[in-house]
């Protein structure tokens, strides 16, 4: 029985998959995202950065799941917001979140999500597929008291671009152009294609329960 292993601690990514019929096994990677990004050559395209981060997470988890390695797919993802040519990850502090919102309120930016799918058979990676999706997000202008309250919840501190589409941040998104699941963190249309590239149909994964 082929299992899907989600190499992410993101509850939002897990819920996207669960709502789409797959209850993944969650394994969190120990990848230092800043170190991976810093090791890339200067001038690396944003799309390549997020794909390499997704690949690093997937490979880290693939090396630590002997109980599933006989037959599984490992999915790694990484999302970052591209604003004025600069990639923005998780702000981590209220000060950085506030600065990010000062830049993007009332404007649009591209949420880029890298995906890596590893097909594992008999304890080894037998196939790999990678790509990224890009969705344009049009942001509203929160009132100062609204932004204060939003930052105080802590939600924007631990998410790429300091906002969510499926949480409280959704109040401050006017519209998007592209795949909403990708903005949440894992793009179903792209993931379906990548799974197909490594020989897996989504129908093979529906209905499996996590352990």
Protein backbone atom coordinates (compact mmCIF):
# COMPACT_ATOMS: atom_id res chain seq x y z
CA UNK A 1 0.00 0.00 0.00
CA UNK A 2 1.58 3.26 -1.15
CA UNK A 3 1.52 5.95 1.54
CA UNK A 4 1.95 9.70 1.18
CA UNK A 5 4.44 11.18 3.64
CA UNK A 6 4.12 14.94 4.13
CA UNK A 7 7.48 16.46 5.02
CA UNK A 8 5.99 19.47 6.77
CA UNK A 9 4.78 20.61 10.16
CA UNK A 10 2.13 22.83 8.54
CA UNK A 11 -1.40 22.02 9.76
CA UNK A 12 -2.74 23.93 6.76
CA UNK A 13 -0.96 21.67 4.26
CA UNK A 14 -2.22 18.59 6.06
CA UNK A 15 -5.78 19.90 6.02
CA UNK A 16 -5.61 20.64 2.29
CA UNK A 17 -4.65 17.02 1.68
CA UNK A 18 -7.21 15.64 4.11
CA UNK A 19 -9.99 17.69 2.51
CA UNK A 20 -8.89 16.27 -0.85
CA UNK A 21 -9.17 12.66 0.32
CA UNK A 22 -5.64 11.89 1.54
CA UNK A 23 -4.72 11.65 5.21
CA UNK A 24 -0.93 11.90 5.07
CA UNK A 25 1.66 10.57 7.45
CA UNK A 26 3.33 13.72 8.80
CA UNK A 27 7.07 13.75 9.35
CA UNK A 28 8.84 17.04 10.05
CA UNK A 29 12.27 17.64 8.54
CA UNK A 30 15.19 19.04 10.48
CA UNK A 31 16.33 21.21 7.57
CA UNK A 32 17.82 24.63 8.34
CA UNK A 33 15.96 26.63 5.68
CA UNK A 34 18.16 29.71 6.04
CA UNK A 35 21.30 27.61 5.59
CA UNK A 36 19.94 25.90 2.47
CA UNK A 37 18.99 29.24 0.91
CA UNK A 38 22.32 30.82 1.86
CA UNK A 39 24.24 27.98 0.19
CA UNK A 40 22.65 28.68 -3.20
CA UNK A 41 24.62 30.80 -5.68
CA UNK A 42 24.02 34.54 -5.76
CA UNK A 43 21.30 35.42 -8.23
CA UNK A 44 19.45 32.11 -7.90
CA UNK A 45 15.94 32.58 -9.25
CA UNK A 46 13.17 32.72 -6.62
CA UNK A 47 11.48 29.73 -8.23
CA UNK A 48 14.66 27.69 -7.84
CA UNK A 49 15.09 28.76 -4.21
CA UNK A 50 11.68 27.43 -3.14
CA UNK A 51 12.13 24.22 -5.12
CA UNK A 52 15.53 23.56 -3.53
CA UNK A 53 14.07 24.17 -0.06
CA UNK A 54 11.23 21.75 -0.82
CA UNK A 55 13.73 19.17 -2.11
CA UNK A 56 15.92 19.50 0.99
CA UNK A 57 12.91 18.87 3.25
CA UNK A 58 11.74 15.86 1.24
CA UNK A 59 15.22 14.29 1.14
CA UNK A 60 15.71 14.82 4.87
CA UNK A 61 12.47 13.02 5.68
CA UNK A 62 13.07 10.29 3.09
CA UNK A 63 16.22 9.34 4.96
CA UNK A 64 14.38 8.90 8.26
CA UNK A 65 11.30 6.77 7.50
CA UNK A 66 12.44 3.14 7.31
CA UNK A 67 8.96 1.96 8.27
CA UNK A 68 7.48 3.39 5.04
CA UNK A 69 10.48 3.30 2.68
CA UNK A 70 9.39 0.09 0.94
CA UNK A 71 6.51 1.86 -0.84
CA UNK A 72 5.69 5.53 -0.37
CA UNK A 73 5.87 9.02 -1.84
CA UNK A 74 7.44 11.86 0.16
CA UNK A 75 6.16 15.36 -0.52
CA UNK A 76 8.13 18.44 0.50
CA UNK A 77 6.92 22.01 0.03
CA UNK A 78 8.18 25.51 0.70
CA UNK A 79 6.33 28.79 0.23
CA UNK A 80 7.67 32.33 0.04
CA UNK A 81 6.17 35.67 -0.99
CA UNK A 82 7.89 37.58 -3.78
CA UNK A 83 7.60 41.33 -3.18
CA UNK A 84 9.52 43.80 -5.35
CA UNK A 85 11.87 41.04 -6.43
CA UNK A 86 12.68 39.96 -2.84
CA UNK A 87 11.64 36.64 -1.33
CA UNK A 88 9.98 36.83 2.06
CA UNK A 89 9.59 33.82 4.34
CA UNK A 90 8.23 33.69 7.87
CA UNK A 91 8.64 37.00 9.74
CA UNK A 92 8.98 35.36 13.20
CA UNK A 93 8.65 38.70 15.07
CA UNK A 94 5.87 41.31 15.30
CA UNK A 95 8.25 44.02 14.11
CA UNK A 96 9.11 42.19 10.91
CA UNK A 97 5.46 41.25 10.29
CA UNK A 98 4.46 44.90 10.63
CA UNK A 99 7.19 45.98 8.22
CA UNK A 100 6.07 43.35 5.70
CA UNK A 101 2.49 44.55 5.84
CA UNK A 102 3.64 48.15 5.38
CA UNK A 103 5.19 47.00 2.08
CA UNK A 104 2.36 44.88 0.73
CA UNK A 105 -0.90 46.48 1.98
CA UNK A 106 -2.97 47.66 -0.95
CA UNK A 107 -0.62 45.98 -3.44
CA UNK A 108 -0.17 42.61 -5.11
CA UNK A 109 2.61 40.07 -4.72
CA UNK A 110 3.32 36.53 -5.92
CA UNK A 111 3.14 33.60 -3.51
CA UNK A 112 5.56 30.98 -4.85
CA UNK A 113 5.39 27.40 -3.60
CA UNK A 114 8.05 24.84 -4.41
CA UNK A 115 7.07 21.18 -4.51
CA UNK A 116 9.24 18.06 -4.47
CA UNK A 117 7.85 14.53 -4.80
CA UNK A 118 10.10 11.54 -4.12
CA UNK A 119 8.94 8.05 -5.06
CA UNK A 120 10.45 5.48 -2.70
CA UNK A 121 10.61 1.77 -3.43
CA UNK A 122 12.51 -0.88 -1.48
CA UNK A 123 14.20 1.69 0.76
CA UNK A 124 15.56 3.97 -1.96
CA UNK A 125 14.39 6.96 -3.99
CA UNK A 126 13.40 5.57 -7.38
CA UNK A 127 12.04 8.77 -8.97
CA UNK A 128 11.85 12.49 -8.30
CA UNK A 129 9.67 15.30 -9.66
CA UNK A 130 9.95 18.99 -8.78
CA UNK A 131 8.27 22.23 -9.82
CA UNK A 132 6.75 25.36 -8.34
CA UNK A 133 3.47 27.21 -8.60
CA UNK A 134 2.93 30.96 -8.51
CA UNK A 135 -0.26 32.73 -7.48
CA UNK A 136 -0.79 36.49 -7.45
CA UNK A 137 -2.28 37.77 -4.20
CA UNK A 138 -4.00 41.16 -4.08
CA UNK A 139 -3.87 42.55 -0.55
CA UNK A 140 -6.33 44.90 1.11
CA UNK A 141 -5.29 47.74 3.43
CA UNK A 142 -6.04 46.75 7.02
CA UNK A 143 -6.92 49.56 9.37
CA UNK A 144 -4.15 50.18 11.93
CA UNK A 145 -6.19 48.65 14.75
CA UNK A 146 -7.02 45.63 12.59
CA UNK A 147 -3.36 45.05 11.80
CA UNK A 148 -2.42 45.44 15.46
CA UNK A 149 -5.03 42.85 16.43
CA UNK A 150 -3.96 40.47 13.65
CA UNK A 151 -0.29 40.61 14.58
CA UNK A 152 -1.21 40.15 18.25
CA UNK A 153 -2.83 36.78 17.41
CA UNK A 154 0.60 35.46 16.42
CA UNK A 155 -0.77 33.91 13.22
CA UNK A 156 1.25 35.99 10.73
CA UNK A 157 4.55 35.39 12.53
CA UNK A 158 4.91 31.75 11.45
CA UNK A 159 3.62 31.83 7.88
CA UNK A 160 5.25 32.82 4.61
CA UNK A 161 4.57 36.43 3.71
CA UNK A 162 2.97 37.19 7.11
CA UNK A 163 -0.54 36.21 6.02
CA UNK A 164 -2.87 33.26 5.56
CA UNK A 165 -5.64 32.77 3.04
CA UNK A 166 -7.49 30.15 5.06
CA UNK A 167 -7.21 31.84 8.47
CA UNK A 168 -7.61 35.31 9.93
CA UNK A 169 -5.39 36.76 7.22
CA UNK A 170 -8.11 35.97 4.70
CA UNK A 171 -9.94 39.10 5.83
CA UNK A 172 -7.16 41.16 4.27
CA UNK A 173 -6.92 39.44 0.87
CA UNK A 174 -9.06 41.09 -1.80
CA UNK A 175 -8.59 38.38 -4.41
CA UNK A 176 -6.10 35.96 -5.89
CA UNK A 177 -5.14 34.95 -9.42
CA UNK A 178 -4.19 31.30 -9.49
CA UNK A 179 -4.52 28.21 -7.33
CA UNK A 180 -5.88 28.86 -3.81
CA UNK A 181 -4.51 25.58 -2.44
CA UNK A 182 -1.03 26.68 -3.48
CA UNK A 183 -1.42 29.87 -1.42
CA UNK A 184 -2.35 27.73 1.57
CA UNK A 185 0.90 25.85 1.04
CA UNK A 186 0.44 22.83 -1.24
CA UNK A 187 -0.97 23.12 -4.75
CA UNK A 188 -3.27 20.23 -5.60
CA UNK A 189 -3.18 20.64 -9.42
CA UNK A 190 0.62 20.75 -9.43
CA UNK A 191 0.95 17.94 -6.89
CA UNK A 192 -1.33 15.72 -8.97
CA UNK A 193 0.91 16.27 -12.00
CA UNK A 194 4.10 15.60 -10.05
CA UNK A 195 2.64 12.43 -8.56
CA UNK A 196 1.81 11.31 -12.10
CA UNK A 197 5.39 12.04 -13.14
CA UNK A 198 6.63 9.49 -10.58
CA UNK A 199 3.98 6.94 -11.50
CA UNK A 200 1.35 7.55 -8.82
CA UNK A 201 -2.33 8.38 -9.37
CA UNK A 202 -4.08 10.40 -6.67
CA UNK A 203 -6.80 7.74 -6.68
CA UNK A 204 -4.22 5.27 -5.30
CA UNK A 205 -3.79 7.49 -2.24
CA UNK A 206 -7.43 8.33 -1.44
CA UNK A 207 -8.84 6.97 1.77
CA UNK A 208 -5.57 5.95 3.44
CA UNK A 209 -5.45 6.72 7.16
CA UNK A 210 -2.37 8.14 8.82
CA UNK A 211 -0.46 6.25 11.49
